[in-house]
Amino acid sequence: MSQPDSATKPMHIHTIWGRRPMSKVQRLVALLIPWAETKLLNFVRKYELHHRDFWDDGLRLTVPLGNKTPLKALADLAALMEIEGLDKDWEFVAYALTDTPDEFPVMCIMD
C-alpha cells in the first residue's frame, strides 16, 4: 500500500490570465462573435483542464501538477495555449499552488 502524499506538497497550480488589450472595433466584434471564449472552452475540453472562473478581463485555469514542478507545469500550459492560438487573446498574470483544485488562496505569486 502506498503512502499518501505529504499535506505540504501542492498538487495543483491555479493560473490567472488577463485579456490582452483590444481596439474598440475588436471589442465590438468580440461582443457579437466570442471567438476567444469559444477557443478557450475548446482548449479546456481538449486538455481536460479545470476552468474555474471567468470574468470580463480575465480567467482562472487550474492544472494538476502530477510529477512536474510548478514552473514546468506553467511552461507546459503556456506552450499549449500558444499552440492553440490563445496567446493572442490572453496573457499570464499570476499563479498559486494548492492541494485541491477547488481551493484558491487569496495571495497569488505575480509574474
PDB file of N, CA and C in Angstrom:
ATOM      1  N   MET A   1       0.843  -1.172   0.000  1.00  0.00           N
ATOM      2  CA  MET A   1       0.000   0.000   0.000  1.00  0.00           C
ATOM      3  C   MET A   1       0.891   1.238   0.000  1.00  0.00           C
ATOM      4  N   SER A   2       0.575   2.190  -0.850  1.00  0.00           N
ATOM      5  CA  SER A   2       1.422   3.380  -0.969  1.00  0.00           C
ATOM      6  C   SER A   2       1.072   4.400   0.105  1.00  0.00           C
ATOM      7  N   GLN A   3       2.054   5.205   0.436  1.00  0.00           N
ATOM      8  CA  GLN A   3       1.883   6.263   1.417  1.00  0.00           C
ATOM      9  C   GLN A   3       1.156   7.433   0.776  1.00  0.00           C
ATOM     10  N   PRO A   4       0.270   8.116   1.482  1.00  0.00           N
ATOM     11  CA  PRO A   4      -0.370   9.316   0.916  1.00  0.00           C
ATOM     12  C   PRO A   4       0.649  10.433   0.776  1.00  0.00           C
ATOM     13  N   ASP A   5       0.405  11.330  -0.153  1.00  0.00           N
ATOM     14  CA  ASP A   5       1.291  12.466  -0.358  1.00  0.00           C
ATOM     15  C   ASP A   5       1.297  13.352   0.879  1.00  0.00           C
ATOM     16  N   SER A   6       2.393  14.038   1.053  1.00  0.00           N
ATOM     17  CA  SER A   6       2.517  14.962   2.171  1.00  0.00           C
ATOM     18  C   SER A   6       1.473  16.069   2.061  1.00  0.00           C
ATOM     19  N   ALA A   7       0.971  16.518   3.190  1.00  0.00           N
ATOM     20  CA  ALA A   7      -0.031  17.586   3.187  1.00  0.00           C
ATOM     21  C   ALA A   7       0.565  18.913   2.733  1.00  0.00           C
ATOM     22  N   THR A   8       1.882  19.039   2.793  1.00  0.00           N
ATOM     23  CA  THR A   8       2.509  20.297   2.404  1.00  0.00           C
ATOM     24  C   THR A   8       2.865  20.333   0.924  1.00  0.00           C
ATOM     25  N   LYS A   9       2.766  19.217   0.250  1.00  0.00           N
ATOM     26  CA  LYS A   9       3.115  19.177  -1.172  1.00  0.00           C
ATOM     27  C   LYS A   9       1.939  19.654  -2.009  1.00  0.00           C
ATOM     28  N   PRO A  10       2.101  20.760  -2.768  1.00  0.00           N
ATOM     29  CA  PRO A  10       0.991  21.228  -3.609  1.00  0.00           C
ATOM     30  C   PRO A  10       0.713  20.243  -4.743  1.00  0.00           C
ATOM     31  N   MET A  11      -0.548  20.079  -5.053  1.00  0.00           N
ATOM     32  CA  MET A  11      -0.959  19.131  -6.083  1.00  0.00           C
ATOM     33  C   MET A  11      -1.526  19.808  -7.331  1.00  0.00           C
ATOM     34  N   HIS A  12      -1.883  21.101  -7.226  1.00  0.00           N
ATOM     35  CA  HIS A  12      -2.480  21.829  -8.346  1.00  0.00           C
ATOM     36  C   HIS A  12      -1.878  23.226  -8.442  1.00  0.00           C
ATOM     37  N   ILE A  13      -1.879  23.740  -9.647  1.00  0.00           N
ATOM     38  CA  ILE A  13      -1.451  25.118  -9.860  1.00  0.00           C
ATOM     39  C   ILE A  13      -2.627  25.875 -10.471  1.00  0.00           C
ATOM     40  N   HIS A  14      -2.992  26.974  -9.826  1.00  0.00           N
ATOM     41  CA  HIS A  14      -4.051  27.848 -10.327  1.00  0.00           C
ATOM     42  C   HIS A  14      -3.366  28.985 -11.078  1.00  0.00           C
ATOM     43  N   THR A  15      -3.776  29.217 -12.298  1.00  0.00           N
ATOM     44  CA  THR A  15      -3.181  30.294 -13.092  1.00  0.00           C
ATOM     45  C   THR A  15      -4.239  31.344 -13.400  1.00  0.00           C
ATOM     46  N   ILE A  16      -3.826  32.591 -13.345  1.00  0.00           N
ATOM     47  CA  ILE A  16      -4.697  33.717 -13.677  1.00  0.00           C
ATOM     48  C   ILE A  16      -4.200  34.302 -14.993  1.00  0.00           C
ATOM     49  N   TRP A  17      -5.118  34.494 -15.915  1.00  0.00           N
ATOM     50  CA  TRP A  17      -4.797  35.035 -17.236  1.00  0.00           C
ATOM     51  C   TRP A  17      -5.645  36.273 -17.479  1.00  0.00           C
ATOM     52  N   GLY A  18      -5.028  37.320 -17.989  1.00  0.00           N
ATOM     53  CA  GLY A  18      -5.744  38.548 -18.315  1.00  0.00           C
ATOM     54  C   GLY A  18      -5.954  38.660 -19.809  1.00  0.00           C
ATOM     55  N   ARG A  19      -7.025  39.309 -20.195  1.00  0.00           N
ATOM     56  CA  ARG A  19      -7.298  39.513 -21.626  1.00  0.00           C
ATOM     57  C   ARG A  19      -6.340  40.563 -22.175  1.00  0.00           C
ATOM     58  N   ARG A  20      -5.781  40.277 -23.328  1.00  0.00           N
ATOM     59  CA  ARG A  20      -4.894  41.255 -23.967  1.00  0.00           C
ATOM     60  C   ARG A  20      -5.705  42.470 -24.407  1.00  0.00           C
ATOM     61  N   PRO A  21      -5.074  43.642 -24.433  1.00  0.00           N
ATOM     62  CA  PRO A  21      -5.795  44.855 -24.860  1.00  0.00           C
ATOM     63  C   PRO A  21      -6.317  44.719 -26.292  1.00  0.00           C
ATOM     64  N   MET A  22      -7.518  45.262 -26.513  1.00  0.00           N
ATOM     65  CA  MET A  22      -8.136  45.228 -27.835  1.00  0.00           C
ATOM     66  C   MET A  22      -8.571  46.636 -28.225  1.00  0.00           C
ATOM     67  N   SER A  23      -8.654  46.873 -29.522  1.00  0.00           N
ATOM     68  CA  SER A  23      -9.162  48.151 -30.006  1.00  0.00           C
ATOM     69  C   SER A  23     -10.681  48.191 -29.811  1.00  0.00           C
ATOM     70  N   LYS A  24     -11.270  49.356 -30.000  1.00  0.00           N
ATOM     71  CA  LYS A  24     -12.721  49.486 -29.843  1.00  0.00           C
ATOM     72  C   LYS A  24     -13.471  48.598 -30.835  1.00  0.00           C
ATOM     73  N   VAL A  25     -12.975  48.541 -32.058  1.00  0.00           N
ATOM     74  CA  VAL A  25     -13.615  47.712 -33.089  1.00  0.00           C
ATOM     75  C   VAL A  25     -13.533  46.236 -32.697  1.00  0.00           C
ATOM     76  N   GLN A  26     -12.375  45.799 -32.214  1.00  0.00           N
ATOM     77  CA  GLN A  26     -12.222  44.405 -31.805  1.00  0.00           C
ATOM     78  C   GLN A  26     -13.162  44.067 -30.649  1.00  0.00           C
ATOM     79  N   ARG A  27     -13.331  44.998 -29.706  1.00  0.00           N
ATOM     80  CA  ARG A  27     -14.243  44.765 -28.577  1.00  0.00           C
ATOM     81  C   ARG A  27     -15.687  44.636 -29.046  1.00  0.00           C
ATOM     82  N   LEU A  28     -16.080  45.463 -30.001  1.00  0.00           N
ATOM     83  CA  LEU A  28     -17.447  45.380 -30.533  1.00  0.00           C
ATOM     84  C   LEU A  28     -17.677  44.066 -31.263  1.00  0.00           C
ATOM     85  N   VAL A  29     -16.713  43.657 -32.063  1.00  0.00           N
ATOM     86  CA  VAL A  29     -16.824  42.381 -32.781  1.00  0.00           C
ATOM     87  C   VAL A  29     -16.853  41.225 -31.787  1.00  0.00           C
ATOM     88  N   ALA A  30     -16.041  41.316 -30.723  1.00  0.00           N
ATOM     89  CA  ALA A  30     -15.989  40.250 -29.715  1.00  0.00           C
ATOM     90  C   ALA A  30     -17.323  40.091 -28.990  1.00  0.00           C
ATOM     91  N   LEU A  31     -18.078  41.170 -28.859  1.00  0.00           N
ATOM     92  CA  LEU A  31     -19.404  41.072 -28.243  1.00  0.00           C
ATOM     93  C   LEU A  31     -20.355  40.258 -29.116  1.00  0.00           C
ATOM     94  N   LEU A  32     -20.225  40.407 -30.430  1.00  0.00           N
ATOM     95  CA  LEU A  32     -21.112  39.697 -31.358  1.00  0.00           C
ATOM     96  C   LEU A  32     -20.633  38.282 -31.645  1.00  0.00           C
ATOM     97  N   ILE A  33     -19.314  38.113 -31.780  1.00  0.00           N
ATOM     98  CA  ILE A  33     -18.734  36.814 -32.120  1.00  0.00           C
ATOM     99  C   ILE A  33     -17.638  36.508 -31.090  1.00  0.00           C
ATOM    100  N   PRO A  34     -17.938  35.724 -30.067  1.00  0.00           N
ATOM    101  CA  PRO A  34     -16.970  35.464 -28.989  1.00  0.00           C
ATOM    102  C   PRO A  34     -15.927  34.404 -29.360  1.00  0.00           C
ATOM    103  N   TRP A  35     -15.042  34.713 -30.294  1.00  0.00           N
ATOM    104  CA  TRP A  35     -14.029  33.753 -30.736  1.00  0.00           C
ATOM    105  C   TRP A  35     -13.110  33.328 -29.610  1.00  0.00           C
ATOM    106  N   ALA A  36     -12.643  34.292 -28.811  1.00  0.00           N
ATOM    107  CA  ALA A  36     -11.698  33.977 -27.731  1.00  0.00           C
ATOM    108  C   ALA A  36     -12.319  33.009 -26.729  1.00  0.00           C
ATOM    109  N   GLU A  37     -13.572  33.221 -26.363  1.00  0.00           N
ATOM    110  CA  GLU A  37     -14.246  32.348 -25.412  1.00  0.00           C
ATOM    111  C   GLU A  37     -14.475  30.960 -25.992  1.00  0.00           C
ATOM    112  N   THR A  38     -14.831  30.897 -27.266  1.00  0.00           N
ATOM    113  CA  THR A  38     -15.035  29.607 -27.930  1.00  0.00           C
ATOM    114  C   THR A  38     -13.731  28.822 -27.985  1.00  0.00           C
ATOM    115  N   LYS A  39     -12.633  29.500 -28.372  1.00  0.00           N
ATOM    116  CA  LYS A  39     -11.325  28.834 -28.401  1.00  0.00           C
ATOM    117  C   LYS A  39     -10.935  28.352 -27.012  1.00  0.00           C
ATOM    118  N   LEU A  40     -11.203  29.170 -26.005  1.00  0.00           N
ATOM    119  CA  LEU A  40     -10.861  28.811 -24.634  1.00  0.00           C
ATOM    120  C   LEU A  40     -11.630  27.574 -24.174  1.00  0.00           C
ATOM    121  N   LEU A  41     -12.932  27.542 -24.398  1.00  0.00           N
ATOM    122  CA  LEU A  41     -13.726  26.394 -23.976  1.00  0.00           C
ATOM    123  C   LEU A  41     -13.317  25.115 -24.714  1.00  0.00           C
ATOM    124  N   ASN A  42     -12.999  25.215 -25.993  1.00  0.00           N
ATOM    125  CA  ASN A  42     -12.497  24.053 -26.737  1.00  0.00           C
ATOM    126  C   ASN A  42     -11.153  23.588 -26.180  1.00  0.00           C
ATOM    127  N   PHE A  43     -10.302  24.526 -25.804  1.00  0.00           N
ATOM    128  CA  PHE A  43      -8.996  24.226 -25.211  1.00  0.00           C
ATOM    129  C   PHE A  43      -9.171  23.490 -23.875  1.00  0.00           C
ATOM    130  N   VAL A  44     -10.078  23.978 -23.048  1.00  0.00           N
ATOM    131  CA  VAL A  44     -10.324  23.364 -21.735  1.00  0.00           C
ATOM    132  C   VAL A  44     -10.832  21.934 -21.903  1.00  0.00           C
ATOM    133  N   ARG A  45     -11.743  21.727 -22.841  1.00  0.00           N
ATOM    134  CA  ARG A  45     -12.264  20.375 -23.100  1.00  0.00           C
ATOM    135  C   ARG A  45     -11.184  19.458 -23.653  1.00  0.00           C
ATOM    136  N   LYS A  46     -10.414  19.954 -24.592  1.00  0.00           N
ATOM    137  CA  LYS A  46      -9.398  19.138 -25.266  1.00  0.00           C
ATOM    138  C   LYS A  46      -8.331  18.651 -24.293  1.00  0.00           C
ATOM    139  N   TYR A  47      -7.864  19.515 -23.407  1.00  0.00           N
ATOM    140  CA  TYR A  47      -6.776  19.165 -22.495  1.00  0.00           C
ATOM    141  C   TYR A  47      -7.269  18.831 -21.086  1.00  0.00           C
ATOM    142  N   GLU A  48      -8.583  18.747 -20.891  1.00  0.00           N
ATOM    143  CA  GLU A  48      -9.203  18.348 -19.627  1.00  0.00           C
ATOM    144  C   GLU A  48      -8.685  19.174 -18.447  1.00  0.00           C
ATOM    145  N   LEU A  49      -8.745  20.484 -18.600  1.00  0.00           N
ATOM    146  CA  LEU A  49      -8.322  21.398 -17.544  1.00  0.00           C
ATOM    147  C   LEU A  49      -9.521  21.769 -16.680  1.00  0.00           C
ATOM    148  N   HIS A  50      -9.228  22.308 -15.509  1.00  0.00           N
ATOM    149  CA  HIS A  50     -10.278  22.834 -14.644  1.00  0.00           C
ATOM    150  C   HIS A  50     -10.438  24.311 -14.969  1.00  0.00           C
ATOM    151  N   HIS A  51     -11.576  24.676 -15.511  1.00  0.00           N
ATOM    152  CA  HIS A  51     -11.860  26.081 -15.825  1.00  0.00           C
ATOM    153  C   HIS A  51     -12.726  26.594 -14.693  1.00  0.00           C
ATOM    154  N   ARG A  52     -12.158  27.354 -13.786  1.00  0.00           N
ATOM    155  CA  ARG A  52     -12.861  27.730 -12.576  1.00  0.00           C
ATOM    156  C   ARG A  52     -13.615  29.039 -12.690  1.00  0.00           C
ATOM    157  N   ASP A  53     -12.939  30.081 -13.015  1.00  0.00           N
ATOM    158  CA  ASP A  53     -13.562  31.402 -13.022  1.00  0.00           C
ATOM    159  C   ASP A  53     -13.328  32.082 -14.351  1.00  0.00           C
ATOM    160  N   PHE A  54     -14.284  32.946 -14.715  1.00  0.00           N
ATOM    161  CA  PHE A  54     -14.181  33.696 -15.959  1.00  0.00           C
ATOM    162  C   PHE A  54     -14.869  35.021 -15.718  1.00  0.00           C
ATOM    163  N   TRP A  55     -14.188  36.106 -15.982  1.00  0.00           N
ATOM    164  CA  TRP A  55     -14.782  37.422 -15.816  1.00  0.00           C
ATOM    165  C   TRP A  55     -14.444  38.270 -17.014  1.00  0.00           C
ATOM    166  N   ASP A  56     -14.854  39.522 -17.048  1.00  0.00           N
ATOM    167  CA  ASP A  56     -14.737  40.371 -18.236  1.00  0.00           C
ATOM    168  C   ASP A  56     -13.335  40.411 -18.823  1.00  0.00           C
ATOM    169  N   ASP A  57     -12.340  40.566 -17.968  1.00  0.00           N
ATOM    170  CA  ASP A  57     -10.991  40.752 -18.497  1.00  0.00           C
ATOM    171  C   ASP A  57     -10.003  39.709 -17.990  1.00  0.00           C
ATOM    172  N   GLY A  58     -10.484  38.558 -17.530  1.00  0.00           N
ATOM    173  CA  GLY A  58      -9.569  37.532 -17.053  1.00  0.00           C
ATOM    174  C   GLY A  58     -10.226  36.191 -16.857  1.00  0.00           C
ATOM    175  N   LEU A  59      -9.401  35.197 -16.533  1.00  0.00           N
ATOM    176  CA  LEU A  59      -9.895  33.859 -16.275  1.00  0.00           C
ATOM    177  C   LEU A  59      -8.915  33.129 -15.373  1.00  0.00           C
ATOM    178  N   ARG A  60      -9.385  32.037 -14.790  1.00  0.00           N
ATOM    179  CA  ARG A  60      -8.541  31.196 -13.950  1.00  0.00           C
ATOM    180  C   ARG A  60      -8.610  29.763 -14.450  1.00  0.00           C
ATOM    181  N   LEU A  61      -7.448  29.188 -14.716  1.00  0.00           N
ATOM    182  CA  LEU A  61      -7.350  27.784 -15.103  1.00  0.00           C
ATOM    183  C   LEU A  61      -6.584  27.042 -14.017  1.00  0.00           C
ATOM    184  N   THR A  62      -7.035  25.841 -13.687  1.00  0.00           N
ATOM    185  CA  THR A  62      -6.372  25.014 -12.683  1.00  0.00           C
ATOM    186  C   THR A  62      -5.853  23.758 -13.350  1.00  0.00           C
ATOM    187  N   VAL A  63      -4.569  23.458 -13.102  1.00  0.00           N
ATOM    188  CA  VAL A  63      -3.905  22.330 -13.741  1.00  0.00           C
ATOM    189  C   VAL A  63      -3.319  21.426 -12.658  1.00  0.00           C
ATOM    190  N   PRO A  64      -3.536  20.102 -12.728  1.00  0.00           N
ATOM    191  CA  PRO A  64      -2.872  19.207 -11.777  1.00  0.00           C
ATOM    192  C   PRO A  64      -1.366  19.169 -12.067  1.00  0.00           C
ATOM    193  N   LEU A  65      -0.568  19.143 -11.005  1.00  0.00           N
ATOM    194  CA  LEU A  65       0.884  19.146 -11.191  1.00  0.00           C
ATOM    195  C   LEU A  65       1.417  17.779 -11.601  1.00  0.00           C
ATOM    196  N   GLY A  66       0.853  16.713 -11.083  1.00  0.00           N
ATOM    197  CA  GLY A  66       1.402  15.394 -11.369  1.00  0.00           C
ATOM    198  C   GLY A  66       2.807  15.314 -10.815  1.00  0.00           C
ATOM    199  N   ASN A  67       3.772  14.915 -11.639  1.00  0.00           N
ATOM    200  CA  ASN A  67       5.172  14.828 -11.214  1.00  0.00           C
ATOM    201  C   ASN A  67       5.985  16.040 -11.657  1.00  0.00           C
ATOM    202  N   LYS A  68       5.329  17.064 -12.158  1.00  0.00           N
ATOM    203  CA  LYS A  68       6.027  18.240 -12.672  1.00  0.00           C
ATOM    204  C   LYS A  68       6.272  19.265 -11.564  1.00  0.00           C
ATOM    205  N   THR A  69       7.283  20.081 -11.776  1.00  0.00           N
ATOM    206  CA  THR A  69       7.483  21.229 -10.898  1.00  0.00           C
ATOM    207  C   THR A  69       6.463  22.295 -11.297  1.00  0.00           C
ATOM    208  N   PRO A  70       6.152  23.220 -10.395  1.00  0.00           N
ATOM    209  CA  PRO A  70       5.180  24.265 -10.756  1.00  0.00           C
ATOM    210  C   PRO A  70       5.582  25.067 -12.000  1.00  0.00           C
ATOM    211  N   LEU A  71       6.855  25.406 -12.108  1.00  0.00           N
ATOM    212  CA  LEU A  71       7.285  26.183 -13.274  1.00  0.00           C
ATOM    213  C   LEU A  71       7.207  25.376 -14.558  1.00  0.00           C
ATOM    214  N   LYS A  72       7.476  24.079 -14.490  1.00  0.00           N
ATOM    215  CA  LYS A  72       7.365  23.213 -15.670  1.00  0.00           C
ATOM    216  C   LYS A  72       5.901  23.091 -16.101  1.00  0.00           C
ATOM    217  N   ALA A  73       4.993  22.923 -15.122  1.00  0.00           N
ATOM    218  CA  ALA A  73       3.564  22.841 -15.440  1.00  0.00           C
ATOM    219  C   ALA A  73       3.070  24.144 -16.049  1.00  0.00           C
ATOM    220  N   LEU A  74       3.539  25.260 -15.517  1.00  0.00           N
ATOM    221  CA  LEU A  74       3.162  26.571 -16.051  1.00  0.00           C
ATOM    222  C   LEU A  74       3.697  26.758 -17.473  1.00  0.00           C
ATOM    223  N   ALA A  75       4.946  26.360 -17.701  1.00  0.00           N
ATOM    224  CA  ALA A  75       5.537  26.466 -19.037  1.00  0.00           C
ATOM    225  C   ALA A  75       4.802  25.578 -20.034  1.00  0.00           C
ATOM    226  N   ASP A  76       4.426  24.368 -19.612  1.00  0.00           N
ATOM    227  CA  ASP A  76       3.679  23.468 -20.493  1.00  0.00           C
ATOM    228  C   ASP A  76       2.309  24.042 -20.845  1.00  0.00           C
ATOM    229  N   LEU A  77       1.637  24.620 -19.847  1.00  0.00           N
ATOM    230  CA  LEU A  77       0.329  25.236 -20.108  1.00  0.00           C
ATOM    231  C   LEU A  77       0.466  26.410 -21.069  1.00  0.00           C
ATOM    232  N   ALA A  78       1.472  27.249 -20.862  1.00  0.00           N
ATOM    233  CA  ALA A  78       1.691  28.392 -21.752  1.00  0.00           C
ATOM    234  C   ALA A  78       2.010  27.924 -23.173  1.00  0.00           C
ATOM    235  N   ALA A  79       2.786  26.853 -23.301  1.00  0.00           N
ATOM    236  CA  ALA A  79       3.111  26.319 -24.631  1.00  0.00           C
ATOM    237  C   ALA A  79       1.858  25.777 -25.323  1.00  0.00           C
ATOM    238  N   LEU A  80       1.009  25.075 -24.575  1.00  0.00           N
ATOM    239  CA  LEU A  80      -0.240  24.574 -25.157  1.00  0.00           C
ATOM    240  C   LEU A  80      -1.149  25.721 -25.584  1.00  0.00           C
ATOM    241  N   MET A  81      -1.197  26.768 -24.782  1.00  0.00           N
ATOM    242  CA  MET A  81      -2.024  27.922 -25.139  1.00  0.00           C
ATOM    243  C   MET A  81      -1.489  28.595 -26.397  1.00  0.00           C
ATOM    244  N   GLU A  82      -0.168  28.637 -26.536  1.00  0.00           N
ATOM    245  CA  GLU A  82       0.427  29.221 -27.747  1.00  0.00           C
ATOM    246  C   GLU A  82       0.117  28.361 -28.971  1.00  0.00           C
ATOM    247  N   ILE A  83       0.220  27.054 -28.831  1.00  0.00           N
ATOM    248  CA  ILE A  83      -0.080  26.142 -29.937  1.00  0.00           C
ATOM    249  C   ILE A  83      -1.522  26.304 -30.403  1.00  0.00           C
ATOM    250  N   GLU A  84      -2.446  26.454 -29.454  1.00  0.00           N
ATOM    251  CA  GLU A  84      -3.871  26.581 -29.772  1.00  0.00           C
ATOM    252  C   GLU A  84      -4.265  28.004 -30.177  1.00  0.00           C
ATOM    253  N   GLY A  85      -3.323  28.947 -30.124  1.00  0.00           N
ATOM    254  CA  GLY A  85      -3.603  30.317 -30.537  1.00  0.00           C
ATOM    255  C   GLY A  85      -4.231  31.194 -29.470  1.00  0.00           C
ATOM    256  N   LEU A  86      -4.266  30.728 -28.231  1.00  0.00           N
ATOM    257  CA  LEU A  86      -4.861  31.508 -27.151  1.00  0.00           C
ATOM    258  C   LEU A  86      -3.946  32.620 -26.655  1.00  0.00           C
ATOM    259  N   ASP A  87      -2.675  32.547 -26.989  1.00  0.00           N
ATOM    260  CA  ASP A  87      -1.738  33.591 -26.541  1.00  0.00           C
ATOM    261  C   ASP A  87      -2.040  34.941 -27.184  1.00  0.00           C
ATOM    262  N   LYS A  88      -2.799  34.936 -28.262  1.00  0.00           N
ATOM    263  CA  LYS A  88      -3.187  36.199 -28.906  1.00  0.00           C
ATOM    264  C   LYS A  88      -4.295  36.913 -28.128  1.00  0.00           C
ATOM    265  N   ASP A  89      -5.052  36.153 -27.327  1.00  0.00           N
ATOM    266  CA  ASP A  89      -6.180  36.710 -26.586  1.00  0.00           C
ATOM    267  C   ASP A  89      -5.916  36.872 -25.090  1.00  0.00           C
ATOM    268  N   TRP A  90      -5.033  36.033 -24.525  1.00  0.00           N
ATOM    269  CA  TRP A  90      -4.823  36.008 -23.078  1.00  0.00           C
ATOM    270  C   TRP A  90      -3.338  36.124 -22.754  1.00  0.00           C
ATOM    271  N   GLU A  91      -3.019  36.760 -21.618  1.00  0.00           N
ATOM    272  CA  GLU A  91      -1.637  36.843 -21.154  1.00  0.00           C
ATOM    273  C   GLU A  91      -1.574  36.443 -19.685  1.00  0.00           C
ATOM    274  N   PHE A  92      -0.468  35.816 -19.300  1.00  0.00           N
ATOM    275  CA  PHE A  92      -0.287  35.324 -17.942  1.00  0.00           C
ATOM    276  C   PHE A  92      -0.189  36.478 -16.957  1.00  0.00           C
ATOM    277  N   VAL A  93      -0.839  36.328 -15.790  1.00  0.00           N
ATOM    278  CA  VAL A  93      -0.815  37.360 -14.749  1.00  0.00           C
ATOM    279  C   VAL A  93      -0.200  36.826 -13.462  1.00  0.00           C
ATOM    280  N   ALA A  94      -0.689  35.681 -12.948  1.00  0.00           N
ATOM    281  CA  ALA A  94      -0.220  35.179 -11.655  1.00  0.00           C
ATOM    282  C   ALA A  94      -0.532  33.693 -11.528  1.00  0.00           C
ATOM    283  N   TYR A  95       0.054  33.062 -10.481  1.00  0.00           N
ATOM    284  CA  TYR A  95      -0.276  31.678 -10.184  1.00  0.00           C
ATOM    285  C   TYR A  95      -0.240  31.446  -8.671  1.00  0.00           C
ATOM    286  N   ALA A  96      -0.885  30.365  -8.248  1.00  0.00           N
ATOM    287  CA  ALA A  96      -0.895  29.960  -6.848  1.00  0.00           C
ATOM    288  C   ALA A  96      -0.914  28.442  -6.789  1.00  0.00           C
ATOM    289  N   LEU A  97      -0.276  27.868  -5.775  1.00  0.00           N
ATOM    290  CA  LEU A  97      -0.219  26.425  -5.596  1.00  0.00           C
ATOM    291  C   LEU A  97      -1.166  26.005  -4.473  1.00  0.00           C
ATOM    292  N   THR A  98      -1.900  24.896  -4.686  1.00  0.00           N
ATOM    293  CA  THR A  98      -2.821  24.398  -3.665  1.00  0.00           C
ATOM    294  C   THR A  98      -2.841  22.877  -3.673  1.00  0.00           C
ATOM    295  N   ASP A  99      -3.505  22.318  -2.657  1.00  0.00           N
ATOM    296  CA  ASP A  99      -3.645  20.867  -2.554  1.00  0.00           C
ATOM    297  C   ASP A  99      -4.824  20.329  -3.352  1.00  0.00           C
ATOM    298  N   THR A 100      -5.887  21.119  -3.484  1.00  0.00           N
ATOM    299  CA  THR A 100      -7.076  20.658  -4.193  1.00  0.00           C
ATOM    300  C   THR A 100      -7.435  21.640  -5.301  1.00  0.00           C
ATOM    301  N   PRO A 101      -8.123  21.186  -6.339  1.00  0.00           N
ATOM    302  CA  PRO A 101      -8.485  22.095  -7.427  1.00  0.00           C
ATOM    303  C   PRO A 101      -9.528  23.131  -7.030  1.00  0.00           C
ATOM    304  N   ASP A 102     -10.283  22.868  -5.961  1.00  0.00           N
ATOM    305  CA  ASP A 102     -11.329  23.813  -5.543  1.00  0.00           C
ATOM    306  C   ASP A 102     -10.825  24.894  -4.605  1.00  0.00           C
ATOM    307  N   GLU A 103      -9.669  24.686  -4.014  1.00  0.00           N
ATOM    308  CA  GLU A 103      -9.098  25.635  -3.066  1.00  0.00           C
ATOM    309  C   GLU A 103      -8.342  26.721  -3.835  1.00  0.00           C
ATOM    310  N   PHE A 104      -8.563  27.978  -3.461  1.00  0.00           N
ATOM    311  CA  PHE A 104      -7.827  29.064  -4.109  1.00  0.00           C
ATOM    312  C   PHE A 104      -7.439  30.101  -3.066  1.00  0.00           C
ATOM    313  N   PRO A 105      -6.145  30.261  -2.808  1.00  0.00           N
ATOM    314  CA  PRO A 105      -5.710  31.216  -1.788  1.00  0.00           C
ATOM    315  C   PRO A 105      -5.855  32.656  -2.269  1.00  0.00           C
ATOM    316  N   VAL A 106      -5.983  33.552  -1.319  1.00  0.00           N
ATOM    317  CA  VAL A 106      -6.105  34.967  -1.652  1.00  0.00           C
ATOM    318  C   VAL A 106      -4.794  35.498  -2.191  1.00  0.00           C
ATOM    319  N   MET A 107      -3.677  35.030  -1.652  1.00  0.00           N
ATOM    320  CA  MET A 107      -2.377  35.514  -2.094  1.00  0.00           C
ATOM    321  C   MET A 107      -1.890  34.690  -3.286  1.00  0.00           C
ATOM    322  N   CYS A 108      -1.515  35.368  -4.368  1.00  0.00           N
ATOM    323  CA  CYS A 108      -1.004  34.716  -5.575  1.00  0.00           C
ATOM    324  C   CYS A 108       0.424  35.176  -5.813  1.00  0.00           C
ATOM    325  N   ILE A 109       1.141  34.424  -6.616  1.00  0.00           N
ATOM    326  CA  ILE A 109       2.500  34.786  -6.992  1.00  0.00           C
ATOM    327  C   ILE A 109       2.420  35.509  -8.323  1.00  0.00           C
ATOM    328  N   MET A 110       2.776  36.773  -8.326  1.00  0.00           N
ATOM    329  CA  MET A 110       2.699  37.587  -9.537  1.00  0.00           C
ATOM    330  C   MET A 110       3.971  37.409 -10.354  1.00  0.00           C
ATOM    331  N   ASP A 111       3.826  37.429 -11.655  1.00  0.00           N
ATOM    332  CA  ASP A 111       4.973  37.320 -12.548  1.00  0.00           C
ATOM    333  C   ASP A 111       5.562  38.688 -12.759  1.00  0.00           C
TER     334      ASP A 111
END
